């Protein structure tokens, strides 16, 4: 076994979270960051993995239609629902996806 150089810096430990919907432990990259939430302050991440959020959105879209599904999903994630942002995505970069909406919120 070789020696490590003096300037060796160990990699940061992998942070994982447990999804409250599917119960699986996943890396933090599988969870959306949430800078607006007053509920998820400790983790600064939504406690649902991206895959479960997508499934939830699809289920709500089937039941209620896309725009209301977005509203309900935003409420569950404690992120802002901005109707004009939804309309802009639908008009300029179709098809609409939840990931595009959340990414737009992260940018602005």
Protein backbone atom coordinates (compact mmCIF):
# COMPACT_ATOMS: atom_id res chain seq x y z
CA UNK A 1 0.00 0.00 0.00
CA UNK A 2 1.48 3.34 -1.10
CA UNK A 3 1.84 6.48 0.92
CA UNK A 4 -0.33 9.48 0.33
CA UNK A 5 1.30 12.77 -0.60
CA UNK A 6 1.58 15.36 2.17
CA UNK A 7 -0.92 17.67 0.45
CA UNK A 8 -3.56 14.91 0.13
CA UNK A 9 -7.07 16.12 0.88
CA UNK A 10 -9.62 13.36 1.40
CA UNK A 11 -12.83 13.67 -0.62
CA UNK A 12 -15.81 15.04 1.27
CA UNK A 13 -18.12 12.38 2.66
CA UNK A 14 -21.11 11.55 0.51
CA UNK A 15 -24.25 13.08 1.93
CA UNK A 16 -27.35 11.00 1.53
CA UNK A 17 -30.97 11.60 2.37
CA UNK A 18 -33.90 9.27 2.78
CA UNK A 19 -36.89 9.95 0.54
CA UNK A 20 -40.08 10.17 2.59
CA UNK A 21 -42.14 8.69 -0.24
CA UNK A 22 -40.12 5.68 -1.48
CA UNK A 23 -38.00 5.23 1.65
CA UNK A 24 -34.73 4.84 -0.28
CA UNK A 25 -31.46 6.46 0.76
CA UNK A 26 -30.09 8.45 -2.17
CA UNK A 27 -27.29 10.99 -2.69
CA UNK A 28 -28.18 14.62 -2.11
CA UNK A 29 -27.99 15.28 -5.86
CA UNK A 30 -31.20 13.26 -6.19
CA UNK A 31 -33.07 15.87 -4.11
CA UNK A 32 -33.97 19.39 -5.16
CA UNK A 33 -32.48 22.25 -3.15
CA UNK A 34 -35.09 24.65 -1.80
CA UNK A 35 -34.01 28.16 -0.90
CA UNK A 36 -37.55 29.44 -0.27
CA UNK A 37 -38.80 26.88 2.20
CA UNK A 38 -39.59 27.77 5.77
CA UNK A 39 -40.48 24.09 6.32
CA UNK A 40 -37.36 22.29 5.05
CA UNK A 41 -34.87 24.67 6.68
CA UNK A 42 -32.61 22.09 8.33
CA UNK A 43 -31.79 20.08 5.19
CA UNK A 44 -32.28 22.88 2.66
CA UNK A 45 -33.58 20.10 0.41
CA UNK A 46 -37.03 18.80 -0.36
CA UNK A 47 -37.41 15.39 1.38
CA UNK A 48 -38.81 13.74 -1.76
CA UNK A 49 -36.35 12.40 -4.34
CA UNK A 50 -36.55 13.74 -7.89
CA UNK A 51 -37.98 10.46 -9.16
CA UNK A 52 -40.83 10.48 -6.61
CA UNK A 53 -41.56 14.14 -7.30
CA UNK A 54 -41.87 13.35 -10.99
CA UNK A 55 -44.21 10.44 -10.26
CA UNK A 56 -46.32 12.64 -7.99
CA UNK A 57 -46.51 15.31 -10.70
CA UNK A 58 -47.52 12.73 -13.32
CA UNK A 59 -50.23 11.31 -11.04
CA UNK A 60 -51.59 14.78 -10.36
CA UNK A 61 -51.45 15.67 -14.07
CA UNK A 62 -53.52 12.59 -14.89
CA UNK A 63 -56.10 13.50 -12.23
CA UNK A 64 -56.26 17.29 -12.52
CA UNK A 65 -54.48 18.48 -15.64
CA UNK A 66 -50.99 19.93 -15.97
CA UNK A 67 -51.45 23.43 -14.57
CA UNK A 68 -53.33 22.36 -11.43
CA UNK A 69 -50.86 19.48 -11.00
CA UNK A 70 -48.03 22.01 -11.01
CA UNK A 71 -49.83 24.11 -8.40
CA UNK A 72 -50.39 21.08 -6.14
CA UNK A 73 -46.84 19.82 -6.59
CA UNK A 74 -45.40 23.25 -5.80
CA UNK A 75 -47.48 23.34 -2.61
CA UNK A 76 -46.21 19.90 -1.59
CA UNK A 77 -42.60 20.94 -2.25
CA UNK A 78 -43.01 24.34 -0.58
CA UNK A 79 -41.83 26.17 -3.69
CA UNK A 80 -43.52 29.15 -5.31
CA UNK A 81 -46.11 28.62 -8.01
CA UNK A 82 -45.74 31.33 -10.63
CA UNK A 83 -48.40 31.08 -13.31
CA UNK A 84 -46.54 33.36 -15.73
CA UNK A 85 -43.41 31.21 -15.43
CA UNK A 86 -45.45 28.15 -16.36
CA UNK A 87 -46.97 29.97 -19.34
CA UNK A 88 -43.54 31.15 -20.52
CA UNK A 89 -42.11 27.62 -20.45
CA UNK A 90 -45.12 26.23 -22.33
CA UNK A 91 -44.78 28.94 -25.01
CA UNK A 92 -40.99 29.10 -25.43
CA UNK A 93 -39.52 25.70 -24.57
CA UNK A 94 -42.23 23.05 -24.89
CA UNK A 95 -43.00 20.46 -23.77
CA UNK A 96 -43.46 21.53 -20.16
CA UNK A 97 -41.65 19.48 -17.55
CA UNK A 98 -41.46 19.92 -13.81
CA UNK A 99 -37.66 19.88 -14.03
CA UNK A 100 -37.69 22.89 -16.40
CA UNK A 101 -39.94 24.81 -14.03
CA UNK A 102 -37.78 24.11 -10.98
CA UNK A 103 -34.62 24.90 -12.91
CA UNK A 104 -36.09 28.26 -13.96
CA UNK A 105 -36.86 29.02 -10.31
CA UNK A 106 -33.28 28.17 -9.30
CA UNK A 107 -31.87 30.55 -11.94
CA UNK A 108 -33.95 33.57 -11.09
